[in-house]
C-alpha atoms as a PDB file:
ATOM      1  CA  MET A   1    -211.919  63.183  -9.106  1.00  0.00           C
ATOM      2  CA  LEU A   2    -210.324  66.039 -11.061  1.00  0.00           C
ATOM      3  CA  SER A   3    -212.784  68.587 -12.031  1.00  0.00           C
ATOM      4  CA  SER A   4    -211.659  72.089 -12.142  1.00  0.00           C
ATOM      5  CA  VAL A   5    -209.369  73.639 -14.729  1.00  0.00           C
ATOM      6  CA  ASP A   6    -206.817  74.512 -12.062  1.00  0.00           C
ATOM      7  CA  GLU A   7    -206.708  70.881 -10.675  1.00  0.00           C
ATOM      8  CA  ILE A   8    -206.362  69.531 -14.175  1.00  0.00           C
ATOM      9  CA  LEU A   9    -203.519  71.714 -15.211  1.00  0.00           C
ATOM     10  CA  ASN A  10    -201.729  71.588 -11.715  1.00  0.00           C
ATOM     11  CA  PRO A  11    -198.283  69.910 -12.172  1.00  0.00           C
ATOM     12  CA  ALA A  12    -198.322  69.079  -8.456  1.00  0.00           C
ATOM     13  CA  ALA A  13    -201.210  66.706  -8.921  1.00  0.00           C
ATOM     14  CA  PHE A  14    -199.054  64.665 -11.169  1.00  0.00           C
ATOM     15  CA  GLY A  15    -195.800  64.594  -9.578  1.00  0.00           C
ATOM     16  CA  GLY A  16    -194.448  67.268 -11.746  1.00  0.00           C
ATOM     17  CA  HIS A  17    -195.339  65.485 -15.077  1.00  0.00           C
ATOM     18  CA  VAL A  18    -198.361  67.283 -16.686  1.00  0.00           C
ATOM     19  CA  PRO A  19    -200.496  64.965 -19.031  1.00  0.00           C
ATOM     20  CA  VAL A  20    -201.141  66.724 -22.090  1.00  0.00           C
ATOM     21  CA  LEU A  21    -204.688  67.757 -23.297  1.00  0.00           C
ATOM     22  CA  LEU A  22    -205.986  65.825 -20.190  1.00  0.00           C
ATOM     23  CA  ARG A  23    -209.322  67.831 -19.803  1.00  0.00           C
ATOM     24  CA  GLU A  24    -209.969  67.038 -23.495  1.00  0.00           C
ATOM     25  CA  THR A  25    -209.192  63.478 -23.033  1.00  0.00           C
ATOM     26  CA  LEU A  26    -211.605  63.046 -20.265  1.00  0.00           C
ATOM     27  CA  GLU A  27    -214.296  64.831 -22.377  1.00  0.00           C
ATOM     28  CA  LEU A  28    -213.764  62.599 -25.161  1.00  0.00           C
ATOM     29  CA  LEU A  29    -213.381  59.189 -23.471  1.00  0.00           C
ATOM     30  CA  SER A  30    -216.114  60.231 -20.934  1.00  0.00           C
ATOM     31  CA  PRO A  31    -215.413  57.366 -18.529  1.00  0.00           C
ATOM     32  CA  ARG A  32    -218.515  55.851 -16.953  1.00  0.00           C
ATOM     33  CA  ALA A  33    -218.863  53.350 -13.936  1.00  0.00           C
ATOM     34  CA  GLY A  34    -217.342  50.101 -14.758  1.00  0.00           C
ATOM     35  CA  ASP A  35    -215.728  51.030 -18.001  1.00  0.00           C
ATOM     36  CA  LYS A  36    -212.652  49.164 -19.196  1.00  0.00           C
ATOM     37  CA  LEU A  37    -210.106  51.540 -20.758  1.00  0.00           C
ATOM     38  CA  LEU A  38    -206.628  51.062 -22.446  1.00  0.00           C
ATOM     39  CA  ASP A  39    -203.771  53.677 -21.986  1.00  0.00           C
ATOM     40  CA  GLY A  40    -201.261  52.666 -24.804  1.00  0.00           C
ATOM     41  CA  THR A  41    -198.596  54.953 -23.434  1.00  0.00           C
ATOM     42  CA  PHE A  42    -198.504  54.988 -19.719  1.00  0.00           C
ATOM     43  CA  GLY A  43    -195.388  57.245 -19.588  1.00  0.00           C
ATOM     44  CA  GLY A  44    -195.780  59.418 -16.453  1.00  0.00           C
ATOM     45  CA  GLY A  45    -198.936  57.785 -15.499  1.00  0.00           C
ATOM     46  CA  GLY A  46    -201.044  61.220 -15.562  1.00  0.00           C
ATOM     47  CA  HIS A  47    -203.609  60.252 -18.008  1.00  0.00           C
ATOM     48  CA  THR A  48    -204.109  56.752 -16.382  1.00  0.00           C
ATOM     49  CA  ARG A  49    -204.612  58.103 -12.824  1.00  0.00           C
ATOM     50  CA  ALA A  50    -207.017  60.700 -14.282  1.00  0.00           C
ATOM     51  CA  LEU A  51    -209.179  58.044 -16.072  1.00  0.00           C
ATOM     52  CA  LEU A  52    -209.144  55.788 -12.902  1.00  0.00           C
ATOM     53  CA  ASN A  53    -210.425  58.728 -10.840  1.00  0.00           C
ATOM     54  CA  ALA A  54    -212.967  59.866 -13.490  1.00  0.00           C
ATOM     55  CA  ALA A  55    -215.712  57.312 -12.508  1.00  0.00           C
ATOM     56  CA  GLU A  56    -216.390  54.455 -10.129  1.00  0.00           C
ATOM     57  CA  ASP A  57    -214.876  51.055 -10.817  1.00  0.00           C
ATOM     58  CA  VAL A  58    -213.238  52.197 -13.914  1.00  0.00           C
ATOM     59  CA  THR A  59    -210.423  49.768 -14.950  1.00  0.00           C
ATOM     60  CA  VAL A  60    -207.233  50.637 -17.007  1.00  0.00           C
ATOM     61  CA  VAL A  61    -204.859  48.493 -18.827  1.00  0.00           C
ATOM     62  CA  ALA A  62    -201.687  50.488 -19.504  1.00  0.00           C
ATOM     63  CA  LEU A  63    -198.818  49.707 -21.862  1.00  0.00           C
ATOM     64  CA  ASP A  64    -195.031  50.932 -21.839  1.00  0.00           C
ATOM     65  CA  ARG A  65    -191.861  49.488 -23.001  1.00  0.00           C
ATOM     66  CA  ASP A  66    -189.770  51.771 -20.792  1.00  0.00           C
ATOM     67  CA  PRO A  67    -188.656  49.807 -17.553  1.00  0.00           C
ATOM     68  CA  ALA A  68    -188.546  53.162 -15.681  1.00  0.00           C
ATOM     69  CA  ALA A  69    -192.397  53.602 -16.592  1.00  0.00           C
ATOM     70  CA  VAL A  70    -192.930  50.125 -15.338  1.00  0.00           C
ATOM     71  CA  GLN A  71    -191.206  51.018 -11.895  1.00  0.00           C
ATOM     72  CA  ARG A  72    -193.504  54.121 -11.784  1.00  0.00           C
ATOM     73  CA  ALA A  73    -196.593  52.150 -12.304  1.00  0.00           C
ATOM     74  CA  ALA A  74    -196.040  50.418  -8.995  1.00  0.00           C
ATOM     75  CA  SER A  75    -197.510  53.322  -7.157  1.00  0.00           C
ATOM     76  CA  VAL A  76    -200.661  53.226  -9.303  1.00  0.00           C
ATOM     77  CA  SER A  77    -201.045  49.569  -8.576  1.00  0.00           C
ATOM     78  CA  GLU A  78    -200.758  50.314  -4.921  1.00  0.00           C
ATOM     79  CA  GLU A  79    -203.464  52.950  -5.045  1.00  0.00           C
ATOM     80  CA  PHE A  80    -206.036  51.313  -7.358  1.00  0.00           C
ATOM     81  CA  GLY A  81    -205.225  47.481  -6.928  1.00  0.00           C
ATOM     82  CA  GLU A  82    -206.970  45.215  -9.408  1.00  0.00           C
ATOM     83  CA  ARG A  83    -208.476  48.171 -11.254  1.00  0.00           C
ATOM     84  CA  PHE A  84    -205.149  48.745 -13.011  1.00  0.00           C
ATOM     85  CA  ARG A  85    -202.715  46.579 -14.823  1.00  0.00           C
ATOM     86  CA  LEU A  86    -199.416  47.462 -16.407  1.00  0.00           C
ATOM     87  CA  VAL A  87    -198.229  45.486 -19.359  1.00  0.00           C
ATOM     88  CA  SER A  88    -194.631  46.063 -20.307  1.00  0.00           C
ATOM     89  CA  MET A  89    -195.057  46.251 -24.001  1.00  0.00           C
ATOM     90  CA  ASN A  90    -194.388  48.441 -26.966  1.00  0.00           C
ATOM     91  CA  PHE A  91    -197.860  49.689 -28.128  1.00  0.00           C
ATOM     92  CA  GLY A  92    -196.851  48.705 -31.690  1.00  0.00           C
ATOM     93  CA  ASP A  93    -197.228  45.109 -30.523  1.00  0.00           C
ATOM     94  CA  LEU A  94    -200.698  45.662 -29.190  1.00  0.00           C
ATOM     95  CA  GLY A  95    -201.812  42.940 -31.568  1.00  0.00           C
ATOM     96  CA  ASP A  96    -200.288  40.523 -29.148  1.00  0.00           C
ATOM     97  CA  LEU A  97    -202.186  41.658 -26.228  1.00  0.00           C
ATOM     98  CA  SER A  98    -204.739  39.126 -25.040  1.00  0.00           C
ATOM     99  CA  GLY A  99    -208.222  40.633 -24.145  1.00  0.00           C
ATOM    100  CA  THR A 100    -210.407  42.905 -26.053  1.00  0.00           C
ATOM    101  CA  GLY A 101    -213.639  44.856 -25.238  1.00  0.00           C
ATOM    102  CA  PHE A 102    -212.281  48.364 -24.318  1.00  0.00           C
ATOM    103  CA  ASN A 103    -214.774  51.184 -23.880  1.00  0.00           C
ATOM    104  CA  GLY A 104    -211.919  53.795 -24.713  1.00  0.00           C
ATOM    105  CA  ILE A 105    -208.324  53.726 -25.942  1.00  0.00           C
ATOM    106  CA  LEU A 106    -205.859  56.488 -25.632  1.00  0.00           C
ATOM    107  CA  PHE A 107    -202.288  57.062 -27.035  1.00  0.00           C
ATOM    108  CA  ASP A 108    -199.911  59.769 -26.187  1.00  0.00           C
ATOM    109  CA  PHE A 109    -196.983  59.591 -28.547  1.00  0.00           C
ATOM    110  CA  GLY A 110    -195.013  62.362 -26.893  1.00  0.00           C
ATOM    111  CA  LEU A 111    -192.023  61.664 -24.442  1.00  0.00           C
ATOM    112  CA  SER A 112    -192.889  61.868 -20.838  1.00  0.00           C
ATOM    113  CA  SER A 113    -191.191  64.766 -18.649  1.00  0.00           C
ATOM    114  CA  PHE A 114    -189.437  61.908 -16.806  1.00  0.00           C
ATOM    115  CA  GLN A 115    -187.603  60.656 -20.095  1.00  0.00           C
ATOM    116  CA  LEU A 116    -186.818  64.380 -21.106  1.00  0.00           C
ATOM    117  CA  ASP A 117    -185.510  65.585 -17.947  1.00  0.00           C
ATOM    118  CA  ASN A 118    -183.380  62.500 -17.116  1.00  0.00           C
ATOM    119  CA  ALA A 119    -180.229  63.653 -19.018  1.00  0.00           C
ATOM    120  CA  GLU A 120    -178.759  60.186 -18.967  1.00  0.00           C
ATOM    121  CA  ARG A 121    -181.454  58.917 -21.406  1.00  0.00           C
ATOM    122  CA  GLY A 122    -179.821  61.034 -24.093  1.00  0.00           C
ATOM    123  CA  PHE A 123    -183.166  62.403 -25.417  1.00  0.00           C
ATOM    124  CA  SER A 124    -182.249  66.179 -24.919  1.00  0.00           C
ATOM    125  CA  PHE A 125    -179.001  68.174 -25.710  1.00  0.00           C
ATOM    126  CA  ARG A 126    -179.616  70.697 -22.782  1.00  0.00           C
ATOM    127  CA  GLU A 127    -177.176  68.587 -20.653  1.00  0.00           C
ATOM    128  CA  ASP A 128    -174.229  66.440 -21.755  1.00  0.00           C
ATOM    129  CA  ALA A 129    -174.935  62.684 -21.557  1.00  0.00           C
ATOM    130  CA  PRO A 130    -174.575  59.586 -23.633  1.00  0.00           C
ATOM    131  CA  VAL A 131    -176.439  59.622 -27.018  1.00  0.00           C
ATOM    132  CA  ASP A 132    -178.870  56.766 -26.148  1.00  0.00           C
ATOM    133  CA  MET A 133    -182.441  57.907 -26.940  1.00  0.00           C
ATOM    134  CA  ARG A 134    -183.953  54.402 -26.683  1.00  0.00           C
ATOM    135  CA  MET A 135    -187.454  54.265 -25.136  1.00  0.00           C
ATOM    136  CA  ASN A 136    -186.305  50.934 -23.676  1.00  0.00           C
ATOM    137  CA  PRO A 137    -182.547  51.174 -22.802  1.00  0.00           C
ATOM    138  CA  THR A 138    -182.317  47.376 -22.403  1.00  0.00           C
ATOM    139  CA  ALA A 139    -183.346  46.660 -26.070  1.00  0.00           C
ATOM    140  CA  GLY A 140    -181.998  47.466 -29.533  1.00  0.00           C
ATOM    141  CA  ILE A 141    -179.040  49.704 -30.207  1.00  0.00           C
ATOM    142  CA  SER A 142    -178.390  53.163 -28.782  1.00  0.00           C
ATOM    143  CA  ALA A 143    -178.459  56.152 -30.994  1.00  0.00           C
ATOM    144  CA  ALA A 144    -174.768  56.598 -30.874  1.00  0.00           C
ATOM    145  CA  ASP A 145    -174.353  53.032 -32.097  1.00  0.00           C
ATOM    146  CA  PHE A 146    -176.712  53.731 -34.890  1.00  0.00           C
ATOM    147  CA  LEU A 147    -174.734  56.938 -35.979  1.00  0.00           C
ATOM    148  CA  GLU A 148    -171.609  55.062 -35.995  1.00  0.00           C
ATOM    149  CA  THR A 149    -172.547  52.027 -37.833  1.00  0.00           C
ATOM    150  CA  ALA A 150    -175.720  52.687 -39.907  1.00  0.00           C
ATOM    151  CA  ASP A 151    -175.493  52.928 -43.852  1.00  0.00           C
ATOM    152  CA  GLU A 152    -175.969  56.269 -45.474  1.00  0.00           C
ATOM    153  CA  GLU A 153    -179.374  55.328 -46.442  1.00  0.00           C
ATOM    154  CA  ALA A 154    -180.633  54.852 -42.778  1.00  0.00           C
ATOM    155  CA  LEU A 155    -178.904  58.081 -41.966  1.00  0.00           C
ATOM    156  CA  VAL A 156    -180.800  59.941 -44.856  1.00  0.00           C
ATOM    157  CA  ARG A 157    -184.000  58.330 -43.617  1.00  0.00           C
ATOM    158  CA  ALA A 158    -183.484  59.452 -40.132  1.00  0.00           C
ATOM    159  CA  VAL A 159    -182.340  63.006 -40.924  1.00  0.00           C
ATOM    160  CA  ARG A 160    -184.283  63.971 -43.906  1.00  0.00           C
ATOM    161  CA  ASN A 161    -187.583  61.806 -43.700  1.00  0.00           C
ATOM    162  CA  TYR A 162    -188.024  61.621 -39.851  1.00  0.00           C
ATOM    163  CA  GLY A 163    -186.203  64.861 -38.863  1.00  0.00           C
ATOM    164  CA  GLU A 164    -187.439  66.738 -41.817  1.00  0.00           C
ATOM    165  CA  GLU A 165    -184.145  68.856 -41.663  1.00  0.00           C
ATOM    166  CA  LYS A 166    -183.834  70.930 -44.876  1.00  0.00           C
ATOM    167  CA  ARG A 167    -179.946  70.603 -44.812  1.00  0.00           C
ATOM    168  CA  TRP A 168    -179.970  66.963 -44.390  1.00  0.00           C
ATOM    169  CA  ARG A 169    -177.172  66.389 -46.978  1.00  0.00           C
ATOM    170  CA  ARG A 170    -174.828  68.470 -44.703  1.00  0.00           C
ATOM    171  CA  VAL A 171    -175.792  66.810 -41.638  1.00  0.00           C
ATOM    172  CA  VAL A 172    -175.464  63.357 -42.948  1.00  0.00           C
ATOM    173  CA  GLN A 173    -172.070  64.034 -44.463  1.00  0.00           C
ATOM    174  CA  SER A 174    -170.995  65.729 -41.007  1.00  0.00           C
ATOM    175  CA  ILE A 175    -172.050  62.432 -39.183  1.00  0.00           C
ATOM    176  CA  LEU A 176    -170.191  60.240 -41.553  1.00  0.00           C
ATOM    177  CA  LYS A 177    -166.930  62.321 -41.194  1.00  0.00           C
ATOM    178  CA  SER A 178    -167.294  62.232 -37.456  1.00  0.00           C
ATOM    179  CA  ARG A 179    -167.296  58.488 -37.046  1.00  0.00           C
ATOM    180  CA  GLY A 180    -164.655  57.138 -34.597  1.00  0.00           C
ATOM    181  CA  THR A 181    -163.766  60.655 -33.517  1.00  0.00           C
ATOM    182  CA  GLY A 182    -165.991  60.408 -30.228  1.00  0.00           C
ATOM    183  CA  ARG A 183    -168.145  63.495 -31.414  1.00  0.00           C
ATOM    184  CA  LEU A 184    -171.180  60.999 -31.946  1.00  0.00           C
ATOM    185  CA  GLN A 185    -171.046  59.630 -28.378  1.00  0.00           C
ATOM    186  CA  ARG A 186    -172.267  62.756 -26.386  1.00  0.00           C
ATOM    187  CA  THR A 187    -175.298  64.926 -26.708  1.00  0.00           C
ATOM    188  CA  GLN A 188    -173.429  68.193 -26.647  1.00  0.00           C
ATOM    189  CA  SER A 189    -170.788  67.378 -29.072  1.00  0.00           C
ATOM    190  CA  LEU A 190    -173.399  65.835 -31.301  1.00  0.00           C
ATOM    191  CA  SER A 191    -175.618  68.930 -31.046  1.00  0.00           C
ATOM    192  CA  GLU A 192    -172.702  71.129 -31.811  1.00  0.00           C
ATOM    193  CA  LEU A 193    -171.680  69.070 -34.763  1.00  0.00           C
ATOM    194  CA  ILE A 194    -175.236  69.226 -36.137  1.00  0.00           C
ATOM    195  CA  ALA A 195    -175.363  73.074 -35.417  1.00  0.00           C
ATOM    196  CA  GLU A 196    -172.225  73.494 -37.457  1.00  0.00           C
ATOM    197  CA  ALA A 197    -173.546  71.490 -40.360  1.00  0.00           C
ATOM    198  CA  VAL A 198    -176.973  73.252 -40.383  1.00  0.00           C
ATOM    199  CA  GLY A 199    -175.724  76.972 -39.853  1.00  0.00           C
ATOM    200  CA  PRO A 200    -177.280  79.728 -38.282  1.00  0.00           C
ATOM    201  CA  THR A 201    -181.130  80.289 -38.339  1.00  0.00           C
ATOM    202  CA  PRO A 202    -181.933  82.933 -40.983  1.00  0.00           C
ATOM    203  CA  ARG A 203    -182.715  86.439 -39.476  1.00  0.00           C
ATOM    204  CA  GLY A 204    -186.373  87.054 -38.942  1.00  0.00           C
ATOM    205  CA  ARG A 205    -187.296  83.315 -38.344  1.00  0.00           C
ATOM    206  CA  LYS A 206    -188.221  81.887 -35.298  1.00  0.00           C
ATOM    207  CA  SER A 207    -185.173  80.625 -33.530  1.00  0.00           C
ATOM    208  CA  VAL A 208    -185.130  76.869 -32.823  1.00  0.00           C
ATOM    209  CA  HIS A 209    -181.883  74.932 -31.923  1.00  0.00           C
ATOM    210  CA  PRO A 210    -180.425  73.653 -35.180  1.00  0.00           C
ATOM    211  CA  ALA A 211    -179.956  70.193 -33.776  1.00  0.00           C
ATOM    212  CA  THR A 212    -183.664  69.758 -32.818  1.00  0.00           C
ATOM    213  CA  ARG A 213    -185.070  68.227 -36.000  1.00  0.00           C
ATOM    214  CA  THR A 214    -182.038  65.928 -36.385  1.00  0.00           C
ATOM    215  CA  PHE A 215    -182.441  64.625 -32.765  1.00  0.00           C
ATOM    216  CA  GLN A 216    -185.986  63.956 -33.318  1.00  0.00           C
ATOM    217  CA  GLY A 217    -185.321  61.966 -36.657  1.00  0.00           C
ATOM    218  CA  ILE A 218    -182.731  59.893 -34.891  1.00  0.00           C
ATOM    219  CA  ARG A 219    -185.017  59.146 -31.947  1.00  0.00           C
ATOM    220  CA  VAL A 220    -187.751  58.309 -34.346  1.00  0.00           C
ATOM    221  CA  GLU A 221    -185.401  55.836 -36.188  1.00  0.00           C
ATOM    222  CA  VAL A 222    -183.773  54.137 -33.269  1.00  0.00           C
ATOM    223  CA  ASN A 223    -187.177  53.495 -31.707  1.00  0.00           C
ATOM    224  CA  ASP A 224    -189.016  52.567 -34.842  1.00  0.00           C
ATOM    225  CA  GLU A 225    -191.855  54.984 -33.702  1.00  0.00           C
ATOM    226  CA  LEU A 226    -193.851  55.524 -36.909  1.00  0.00           C
ATOM    227  CA  SER A 227    -194.079  51.849 -37.674  1.00  0.00           C
ATOM    228  CA  ALA A 228    -195.249  51.376 -34.146  1.00  0.00           C
ATOM    229  CA  ILE A 229    -198.007  53.736 -34.483  1.00  0.00           C
ATOM    230  CA  GLU A 230    -199.132  52.274 -37.904  1.00  0.00           C
ATOM    231  CA  ARG A 231    -199.370  48.825 -36.275  1.00  0.00           C
ATOM    232  CA  GLY A 232    -200.751  50.075 -33.071  1.00  0.00           C
ATOM    233  CA  LEU A 233    -203.826  52.023 -34.319  1.00  0.00           C
ATOM    234  CA  PRO A 234    -205.409  49.296 -36.255  1.00  0.00           C
ATOM    235  CA  ALA A 235    -204.882  46.704 -33.381  1.00  0.00           C
ATOM    236  CA  ALA A 236    -206.288  49.241 -30.953  1.00  0.00           C
ATOM    237  CA  PHE A 237    -209.430  49.739 -33.059  1.00  0.00           C
ATOM    238  CA  ASP A 238    -209.922  45.932 -33.290  1.00  0.00           C
ATOM    239  CA  ARG A 239    -209.969  45.883 -29.509  1.00  0.00           C
ATOM    240  CA  LEU A 240    -212.493  48.704 -29.128  1.00  0.00           C
ATOM    241  CA  LEU A 241    -216.074  48.047 -28.427  1.00  0.00           C
ATOM    242  CA  PRO A 242    -218.843  49.712 -30.644  1.00  0.00           C
ATOM    243  CA  GLY A 243    -219.534  53.111 -29.298  1.00  0.00           C
ATOM    244  CA  GLY A 244    -215.907  53.313 -27.951  1.00  0.00           C
ATOM    245  CA  VAL A 245    -213.574  56.325 -28.623  1.00  0.00           C
ATOM    246  CA  LEU A 246    -210.046  55.859 -29.774  1.00  0.00           C
ATOM    247  CA  ALA A 247    -207.940  59.079 -29.180  1.00  0.00           C
ATOM    248  CA  ALA A 248    -204.514  59.710 -30.195  1.00  0.00           C
ATOM    249  CA  ILE A 249    -202.082  62.593 -29.260  1.00  0.00           C
ATOM    250  CA  SER A 250    -199.217  63.446 -31.782  1.00  0.00           C
ATOM    251  CA  PHE A 251    -196.450  65.944 -31.325  1.00  0.00           C
ATOM    252  CA  HIS A 252    -194.950  66.411 -34.882  1.00  0.00           C
ATOM    253  CA  SER A 253    -196.518  66.228 -38.352  1.00  0.00           C
ATOM    254  CA  LEU A 254    -195.182  62.650 -39.066  1.00  0.00           C
ATOM    255  CA  GLU A 255    -197.255  61.291 -36.257  1.00  0.00           C
ATOM    256  CA  ASP A 256    -200.208  63.286 -36.956  1.00  0.00           C
ATOM    257  CA  ARG A 257    -200.282  62.410 -40.603  1.00  0.00           C
ATOM    258  CA  ILE A 258    -200.516  58.748 -39.811  1.00  0.00           C
ATOM    259  CA  VAL A 259    -203.159  59.446 -37.192  1.00  0.00           C
ATOM    260  CA  LYS A 260    -205.239  61.600 -39.476  1.00  0.00           C
ATOM    261  CA  ARG A 261    -205.044  59.070 -42.429  1.00  0.00           C
ATOM    262  CA  PHE A 262    -206.065  56.340 -40.213  1.00  0.00           C
ATOM    263  CA  CYS A 263    -208.951  58.287 -38.625  1.00  0.00           C
ATOM    264  CA  ARG A 264    -210.143  59.250 -42.065  1.00  0.00           C
ATOM    265  CA  LYS A 265    -209.922  55.571 -43.475  1.00  0.00           C
ATOM    266  CA  MET A 266    -212.116  54.350 -40.563  1.00  0.00           C
ATOM    267  CA  ALA A 267    -214.516  56.952 -40.980  1.00  0.00           C
ATOM    268  CA  GLY A 268    -214.758  56.264 -44.842  1.00  0.00           C
ATOM    269  CA  ARG A 269    -213.333  59.474 -45.960  1.00  0.00           C
ATOM    270  CA  PRO A 270    -210.687  60.215 -48.562  1.00  0.00           C
ATOM    271  CA  GLU A 271    -207.447  59.193 -47.062  1.00  0.00           C
ATOM    272  CA  HIS A 272    -205.369  61.855 -49.153  1.00  0.00           C
ATOM    273  CA  ALA A 273    -205.684  64.291 -52.059  1.00  0.00           C
ATOM    274  CA  GLY A 274    -205.142  61.365 -54.538  1.00  0.00           C
ATOM    275  CA  ASP A 275    -207.899  59.095 -53.101  1.00  0.00           C
ATOM    276  CA  SER A 276    -210.484  59.081 -55.952  1.00  0.00           C
ATOM    277  CA  ARG A 277    -212.491  56.262 -54.755  1.00  0.00           C
ATOM    278  CA  THR A 278    -216.312  56.656 -54.646  1.00  0.00           C
ATOM    279  CA  GLN A 279    -218.047  56.657 -51.288  1.00  0.00           C
ATOM    280  CA  ASP A 280    -219.608  53.298 -51.977  1.00  0.00           C
ATOM    281  CA  GLN A 281    -216.026  51.894 -52.319  1.00  0.00           C
ATOM    282  CA  ARG A 282    -215.135  52.995 -48.710  1.00  0.00           C
ATOM    283  CA  GLU A 283    -216.168  51.062 -45.619  1.00  0.00           C
ATOM    284  CA  VAL A 284    -217.492  53.158 -42.814  1.00  0.00           C
ATOM    285  CA  LEU A 285    -216.420  51.704 -39.485  1.00  0.00           C
ATOM    286  CA  ALA A 286    -216.140  54.778 -37.424  1.00  0.00           C
ATOM    287  CA  LYS A 287    -217.288  58.433 -36.947  1.00  0.00           C
ATOM    288  CA  MET A 288    -215.068  61.362 -36.644  1.00  0.00           C
ATOM    289  CA  VAL A 289    -215.241  62.880 -33.093  1.00  0.00           C
ATOM    290  CA  SER A 290    -213.874  66.087 -34.189  1.00  0.00           C
ATOM    291  CA  THR A 291    -213.406  67.289 -37.905  1.00  0.00           C
ATOM    292  CA  ARG A 292    -210.114  69.038 -36.797  1.00  0.00           C
ATOM    293  CA  ALA A 293    -207.158  68.311 -34.693  1.00  0.00           C
ATOM    294  CA  ILE A 294    -207.652  69.381 -30.912  1.00  0.00           C
ATOM    295  CA  SER A 295    -204.952  71.686 -29.666  1.00  0.00           C
ATOM    296  CA  PRO A 296    -204.054  72.904 -26.105  1.00  0.00           C
ATOM    297  CA  ASP A 297    -205.629  76.157 -25.036  1.00  0.00           C
ATOM    298  CA  GLU A 298    -203.611  79.145 -23.891  1.00  0.00           C
ATOM    299  CA  ASP A 299    -203.811  78.234 -20.326  1.00  0.00           C
ATOM    300  CA  GLU A 300    -202.367  74.791 -20.731  1.00  0.00           C
ATOM    301  CA  ILE A 301    -199.512  76.209 -23.043  1.00  0.00           C
ATOM    302  CA  ARG A 302    -198.706  78.761 -20.354  1.00  0.00           C
ATOM    303  CA  ILE A 303    -198.714  76.125 -17.602  1.00  0.00           C
ATOM    304  CA  ASN A 304    -197.006  73.369 -19.726  1.00  0.00           C
ATOM    305  CA  PRO A 305    -195.005  74.926 -22.642  1.00  0.00           C
ATOM    306  CA  ARG A 306    -194.194  71.284 -23.805  1.00  0.00           C
ATOM    307  CA  SER A 307    -197.699  71.047 -24.833  1.00  0.00           C
ATOM    308  CA  ARG A 308    -197.626  73.580 -27.472  1.00  0.00           C
ATOM    309  CA  SER A 309    -197.213  71.277 -30.496  1.00  0.00           C
ATOM    310  CA  ALA A 310    -199.806  68.623 -29.077  1.00  0.00           C
ATOM    311  CA  ARG A 311    -202.536  67.610 -31.553  1.00  0.00           C
ATOM    312  CA  MET A 312    -205.389  65.047 -30.700  1.00  0.00           C
ATOM    313  CA  ARG A 313    -207.531  63.252 -33.008  1.00  0.00           C
ATOM    314  CA  ALA A 314    -210.348  60.955 -32.242  1.00  0.00           C
ATOM    315  CA  ILE A 315    -212.766  58.510 -33.600  1.00  0.00           C
ATOM    316  CA  ARG A 316    -215.967  56.613 -32.388  1.00  0.00           C
ATOM    317  CA  LYS A 317    -216.446  53.071 -33.461  1.00  0.00           C
ATOM    318  CA  LEU A 318    -219.879  52.195 -34.898  1.00  0.00           C
END
């Protein structure tokens, strides 16, 4: 069992992939002997392993649509036997999963280090690779194909709505003009094209690569990520036992907005500023575990800088 801060934050304990907000996850879900848990996003398997080690006879059902994650899960199956089961599934399709009665459910909507560090997956522009970005490389169309064929409305949705890029018009027009040139096929040429459209970061502002937001938006669009969250959260809540905790870790404002609104809805709170319903018009199905989103502390950010933008929200089913 992992107990000390050093053990929990030690990358070596998880094969180089550091599960985000792990200590907080264990505290919130508080696995007890015999609990049945669901990890909706297996990824690198760090959260799953920690949950299995947290108490005697804990069982975990984990989901992931990435074939590489399914392969990684083999070592967990070997170690924990029948206490662990991996289902090859997009968490957005959780409604199709047979079986209910989970004591705790976790979602981590971020990319795993394995996905980010494998250049051939095309999620990052740090190294040159094909522009793929699919969570499951065997399904759907690649990001490059999307950029080459999508209509302008879909490009605007990806860059403006999902990427929250202020100079979205320039980026979209640059993408349209670059079709058929080969510049949309490789991560480096695509990032350079976007950087040219966005322009330099104004002096005095924190410098983030100008392609960061657009890459995020394209990835979200290609994988239908936000819709999956909107479908997955209520399906998970339906499968949660009374007293069980549902926790979700987000990495950007679009994800967190969906999670926050869902948690407030289940807790019978106003979902947004324009929600004028009286309290007796709201059904209270859960209790907020924390009134604010939980963020990584300085120690975790120091050891795992990728955790900086993580935000976790949780509710307990009544």
